[in-house]
N, C-alpha and C. Protein backbone atom coordinates (compact mmCIF):
# COMPACT_ATOMS: atom_id res chain seq x y z
N MET A 1 8.66 -39.33 -20.98
CA MET A 1 7.85 -38.60 -20.12
C MET A 1 8.59 -37.52 -19.55
N ALA A 2 8.00 -36.25 -19.32
CA ALA A 2 8.72 -35.20 -18.99
C ALA A 2 9.14 -35.19 -17.44
N HIS A 3 10.16 -34.61 -17.23
CA HIS A 3 10.61 -34.61 -15.94
C HIS A 3 10.03 -33.44 -15.12
N VAL A 4 9.65 -33.63 -13.93
CA VAL A 4 8.74 -32.65 -13.18
C VAL A 4 9.58 -31.50 -13.27
N SER A 5 10.84 -31.30 -12.96
CA SER A 5 11.65 -30.38 -12.82
C SER A 5 11.68 -29.32 -14.14
N SER A 6 11.26 -29.96 -15.19
CA SER A 6 11.31 -29.51 -16.48
C SER A 6 9.91 -28.62 -16.80
N LEU A 7 9.01 -28.90 -16.10
CA LEU A 7 7.65 -28.44 -16.26
C LEU A 7 7.40 -27.02 -15.45
N THR A 8 7.11 -26.12 -16.00
CA THR A 8 6.71 -24.73 -15.34
C THR A 8 5.21 -24.65 -14.87
N TRP A 9 4.79 -23.89 -14.01
CA TRP A 9 3.48 -23.70 -13.69
C TRP A 9 2.74 -23.47 -14.65
N THR A 10 3.13 -22.58 -15.72
CA THR A 10 2.34 -22.26 -16.86
C THR A 10 2.04 -23.35 -17.77
N SER A 11 2.90 -24.31 -17.87
CA SER A 11 2.70 -25.52 -18.76
C SER A 11 1.69 -26.51 -18.17
N LEU A 12 1.37 -26.37 -16.81
CA LEU A 12 0.37 -27.35 -16.24
C LEU A 12 -0.95 -26.65 -16.50
N PRO A 13 -2.01 -27.43 -16.82
CA PRO A 13 -3.40 -26.96 -16.78
C PRO A 13 -3.93 -26.57 -15.51
N ARG A 14 -4.68 -25.49 -15.25
CA ARG A 14 -5.20 -24.93 -14.00
C ARG A 14 -6.41 -25.66 -13.96
N GLN A 15 -6.56 -26.30 -12.59
CA GLN A 15 -7.85 -26.89 -12.30
C GLN A 15 -8.59 -25.95 -11.50
N PRO A 16 -9.88 -25.56 -11.78
CA PRO A 16 -10.43 -24.65 -10.88
C PRO A 16 -10.64 -25.06 -9.62
N LYS A 17 -10.28 -24.16 -8.52
CA LYS A 17 -10.60 -24.50 -7.18
C LYS A 17 -11.77 -24.59 -6.83
N ARG A 18 -12.20 -25.40 -5.81
CA ARG A 18 -13.48 -25.45 -5.17
C ARG A 18 -14.20 -24.21 -5.10
N ILE A 19 -13.59 -23.32 -4.46
CA ILE A 19 -14.06 -22.01 -4.11
C ILE A 19 -14.48 -21.22 -5.55
N ASP A 20 -13.61 -21.31 -6.59
CA ASP A 20 -13.91 -20.79 -7.77
C ASP A 20 -15.42 -21.45 -8.27
N ARG A 21 -15.42 -22.72 -8.21
CA ARG A 21 -16.78 -23.28 -8.76
C ARG A 21 -17.81 -22.82 -7.94
N ALA A 22 -17.63 -22.65 -6.63
CA ALA A 22 -18.81 -22.24 -5.86
C ALA A 22 -19.25 -20.91 -6.30
N VAL A 23 -18.27 -19.83 -6.52
CA VAL A 23 -18.57 -18.44 -6.89
C VAL A 23 -19.27 -18.49 -8.17
N LEU A 24 -19.04 -19.37 -9.01
CA LEU A 24 -19.63 -19.47 -10.40
C LEU A 24 -21.10 -19.89 -10.08
N GLU A 25 -21.42 -20.96 -9.22
CA GLU A 25 -22.57 -21.51 -9.04
C GLU A 25 -23.45 -20.47 -8.26
N LEU A 26 -22.89 -19.64 -7.32
CA LEU A 26 -23.70 -18.58 -6.59
C LEU A 26 -24.09 -17.51 -7.66
N VAL A 27 -23.18 -17.12 -8.63
CA VAL A 27 -23.59 -16.24 -9.51
C VAL A 27 -24.73 -16.65 -10.51
N ARG A 28 -24.68 -17.98 -10.79
CA ARG A 28 -25.68 -18.39 -11.59
C ARG A 28 -27.06 -18.56 -10.78
N ALA A 29 -26.93 -18.88 -9.51
CA ALA A 29 -28.29 -18.78 -8.81
C ALA A 29 -28.79 -17.76 -8.45
N VAL A 30 -28.03 -16.73 -8.19
CA VAL A 30 -28.52 -15.35 -7.89
C VAL A 30 -29.03 -14.58 -9.18
N SER A 31 -28.58 -14.90 -10.33
CA SER A 31 -28.89 -14.42 -11.54
C SER A 31 -30.06 -14.86 -12.39
N ALA A 32 -30.50 -16.08 -11.81
CA ALA A 32 -31.56 -16.65 -12.34
C ALA A 32 -32.89 -15.89 -12.47
N ASP A 33 -33.56 -15.87 -13.44
CA ASP A 33 -34.88 -15.11 -13.59
C ASP A 33 -35.88 -15.51 -12.52
N ASN A 34 -35.85 -16.88 -12.25
CA ASN A 34 -36.71 -17.40 -11.19
C ASN A 34 -36.02 -17.59 -9.79
N TRP A 35 -35.00 -16.61 -9.42
CA TRP A 35 -34.59 -16.68 -8.29
C TRP A 35 -35.37 -16.61 -7.01
N SER A 36 -35.04 -17.33 -6.16
CA SER A 36 -35.65 -17.32 -4.75
C SER A 36 -34.53 -17.52 -3.66
N PRO A 37 -34.62 -17.13 -2.57
CA PRO A 37 -33.56 -17.32 -1.63
C PRO A 37 -33.35 -18.74 -1.25
N GLU A 38 -34.59 -19.42 -1.00
CA GLU A 38 -34.70 -20.82 -0.61
C GLU A 38 -33.95 -21.67 -1.67
N THR A 39 -34.38 -21.38 -3.09
CA THR A 39 -33.94 -22.29 -4.15
C THR A 39 -32.33 -22.18 -4.28
N ALA A 40 -31.77 -20.85 -4.16
CA ALA A 40 -30.40 -20.59 -4.34
C ALA A 40 -29.72 -21.12 -3.05
N ALA A 41 -30.33 -20.91 -1.79
CA ALA A 41 -29.70 -21.60 -0.67
C ALA A 41 -29.54 -22.98 -0.67
N ASP A 42 -30.47 -23.82 -1.10
CA ASP A 42 -30.35 -25.09 -1.35
C ASP A 42 -29.31 -25.51 -2.33
N ARG A 43 -29.19 -24.76 -3.40
CA ARG A 43 -28.12 -25.16 -4.43
C ARG A 43 -26.80 -24.87 -3.71
N MET A 44 -26.70 -23.75 -3.04
CA MET A 44 -25.33 -23.55 -2.37
C MET A 44 -25.02 -24.72 -1.36
N ARG A 45 -26.02 -25.05 -0.55
CA ARG A 45 -25.73 -26.07 0.30
C ARG A 45 -25.28 -27.43 -0.43
N GLU A 46 -25.96 -27.60 -1.49
CA GLU A 46 -25.45 -28.76 -2.53
C GLU A 46 -24.10 -28.67 -2.81
N VAL A 47 -23.68 -27.39 -3.29
CA VAL A 47 -22.37 -27.06 -3.81
C VAL A 47 -21.24 -27.20 -2.76
N ALA A 48 -21.79 -26.84 -1.52
CA ALA A 48 -20.84 -26.95 -0.33
C ALA A 48 -20.48 -28.26 0.14
N ALA A 49 -21.45 -29.16 -0.14
CA ALA A 49 -21.35 -30.51 0.29
C ALA A 49 -21.05 -30.77 1.76
N GLY A 50 -21.73 -30.09 2.54
CA GLY A 50 -21.75 -30.21 3.96
C GLY A 50 -20.62 -29.34 4.59
N ASP A 51 -20.03 -28.44 3.75
CA ASP A 51 -18.71 -27.70 4.28
C ASP A 51 -19.25 -26.27 4.61
N PRO A 52 -19.76 -25.88 5.88
CA PRO A 52 -20.11 -24.50 5.94
C PRO A 52 -18.92 -23.63 6.01
N ALA A 53 -17.59 -24.04 6.07
CA ALA A 53 -16.60 -23.11 5.88
C ALA A 53 -16.58 -22.47 4.51
N LEU A 54 -16.96 -23.28 3.56
CA LEU A 54 -17.12 -22.74 2.26
C LEU A 54 -18.15 -21.82 1.92
N LEU A 55 -19.36 -21.97 2.60
CA LEU A 55 -20.33 -20.89 2.59
C LEU A 55 -20.04 -19.59 3.33
N ARG A 56 -19.28 -19.79 4.51
CA ARG A 56 -18.80 -18.70 5.22
C ARG A 56 -17.86 -17.83 4.19
N HIS A 57 -16.87 -18.61 3.63
CA HIS A 57 -16.03 -17.90 2.75
C HIS A 57 -16.72 -17.19 1.74
N LEU A 58 -17.62 -17.62 1.04
CA LEU A 58 -18.38 -17.05 -0.01
C LEU A 58 -19.04 -15.79 0.71
N LYS A 59 -19.79 -15.88 1.80
CA LYS A 59 -20.37 -14.99 2.64
C LYS A 59 -19.39 -13.66 2.77
N ALA A 60 -18.16 -14.00 3.07
CA ALA A 60 -17.11 -12.86 3.31
C ALA A 60 -16.84 -12.23 2.06
N ARG A 61 -16.68 -12.99 0.97
CA ARG A 61 -16.53 -12.37 -0.54
C ARG A 61 -17.77 -11.42 -0.70
N VAL A 62 -18.87 -11.85 -0.62
CA VAL A 62 -20.07 -11.01 -0.97
C VAL A 62 -20.06 -9.69 0.00
N ALA A 63 -19.75 -9.86 1.21
CA ALA A 63 -19.61 -8.76 2.22
C ALA A 63 -18.82 -7.72 1.80
N ARG A 64 -17.49 -8.40 1.37
CA ARG A 64 -16.50 -7.30 0.93
C ARG A 64 -16.94 -6.61 -0.41
N ALA A 65 -17.66 -7.39 -1.40
CA ALA A 65 -18.11 -6.58 -2.43
C ALA A 65 -19.09 -5.53 -2.17
N GLN A 66 -19.95 -5.87 -1.16
CA GLN A 66 -20.89 -4.96 -0.86
C GLN A 66 -20.36 -3.72 -0.16
N LEU A 67 -19.26 -3.57 0.52
CA LEU A 67 -18.59 -2.55 1.02
C LEU A 67 -18.20 -1.70 0.02
N ARG A 68 -17.62 -2.02 -1.21
CA ARG A 68 -17.27 -1.33 -2.24
C ARG A 68 -18.52 -0.63 -3.17
N ARG A 69 -19.51 -1.53 -3.39
CA ARG A 69 -20.63 -1.08 -4.01
C ARG A 69 -21.60 -2.09 -4.13
N SER A 70 -22.60 -1.98 -3.26
CA SER A 70 -23.76 -2.89 -3.29
C SER A 70 -24.79 -2.98 -4.42
N THR A 71 -25.11 -4.09 -4.95
CA THR A 71 -25.80 -4.22 -6.10
C THR A 71 -27.05 -5.17 -5.58
N GLY A 72 -28.13 -5.22 -6.49
CA GLY A 72 -29.20 -6.12 -6.21
C GLY A 72 -28.83 -7.65 -6.20
N LEU A 73 -27.68 -7.90 -7.08
CA LEU A 73 -27.26 -9.26 -6.96
C LEU A 73 -26.49 -9.60 -5.76
N ASP A 74 -25.64 -8.62 -5.09
CA ASP A 74 -25.22 -8.74 -4.04
C ASP A 74 -26.20 -9.12 -2.91
N ALA A 75 -27.12 -8.26 -2.82
CA ALA A 75 -28.19 -8.50 -1.76
C ALA A 75 -28.87 -9.89 -1.99
N ARG A 76 -29.12 -10.37 -3.18
CA ARG A 76 -29.63 -11.66 -3.44
C ARG A 76 -28.68 -12.77 -2.86
N ALA A 77 -27.33 -12.60 -3.18
CA ALA A 77 -26.17 -13.46 -2.76
C ALA A 77 -26.20 -13.54 -1.21
N ALA A 78 -26.22 -12.29 -0.70
CA ALA A 78 -26.16 -12.31 0.91
C ALA A 78 -27.37 -13.02 1.47
N ALA A 79 -28.51 -12.70 0.95
CA ALA A 79 -29.84 -13.53 1.57
C ALA A 79 -29.69 -14.92 1.32
N SER A 80 -29.15 -15.25 0.07
CA SER A 80 -29.09 -16.75 -0.08
C SER A 80 -28.13 -17.46 0.71
N LEU A 81 -27.06 -16.84 1.00
CA LEU A 81 -25.86 -17.40 1.68
C LEU A 81 -26.27 -17.54 3.28
N ASP A 82 -26.96 -16.39 3.57
CA ASP A 82 -27.46 -16.28 5.02
C ASP A 82 -28.33 -17.67 5.29
N LEU A 83 -29.37 -17.72 4.45
CA LEU A 83 -30.35 -18.89 4.51
C LEU A 83 -29.60 -20.20 4.43
N ALA A 84 -28.64 -20.37 3.56
CA ALA A 84 -27.91 -21.58 3.36
C ALA A 84 -27.06 -21.95 4.66
N LEU A 85 -26.57 -20.88 5.24
CA LEU A 85 -25.85 -21.14 6.64
C LEU A 85 -26.69 -21.45 7.80
N VAL A 86 -27.90 -20.86 7.79
CA VAL A 86 -28.82 -21.22 8.62
C VAL A 86 -29.24 -22.67 8.48
N GLY A 87 -29.42 -23.12 7.34
CA GLY A 87 -29.76 -24.56 7.06
C GLY A 87 -28.76 -25.56 7.43
N THR A 88 -27.52 -25.07 7.31
CA THR A 88 -26.19 -25.73 7.57
C THR A 88 -26.25 -26.00 9.09
N ALA A 89 -26.39 -24.83 9.74
CA ALA A 89 -26.37 -25.02 11.11
C ALA A 89 -27.32 -25.87 11.74
N ARG A 90 -28.54 -25.65 11.33
CA ARG A 90 -29.66 -26.67 11.80
C ARG A 90 -29.32 -28.04 11.75
N ARG A 91 -28.63 -28.42 10.51
CA ARG A 91 -28.22 -29.90 10.39
C ARG A 91 -27.15 -30.36 11.18
N ASP A 92 -26.21 -29.37 11.61
CA ASP A 92 -25.18 -29.62 12.52
C ASP A 92 -25.83 -29.80 13.88
N VAL A 93 -26.64 -29.52 14.33
CA VAL A 93 -27.18 -29.50 15.65
C VAL A 93 -28.03 -30.85 15.84
N CYS A 94 -28.62 -31.27 14.70
CA CYS A 94 -29.35 -32.35 14.72
C CYS A 94 -28.55 -33.74 14.78
């Protein structure tokens, strides 16, 4: 068995972080031919698994991208995340 000190960071397989997986799901949701803000918001709430901080983090990334150059996909992502966050806030109150 290898000693931990003999392993380098490059020899360890990288596991995608939760935020990486969420970004990928957001891109898939807003790129779909049958996109709707409601469907994408539902998917993002599912991906976030009750963690509104993850949704806020995604929203911040989208907002930063929109500052550089706004695209139609950015607008879809922003609308979807806004709706997802509203739905999350409602469930927190209940």
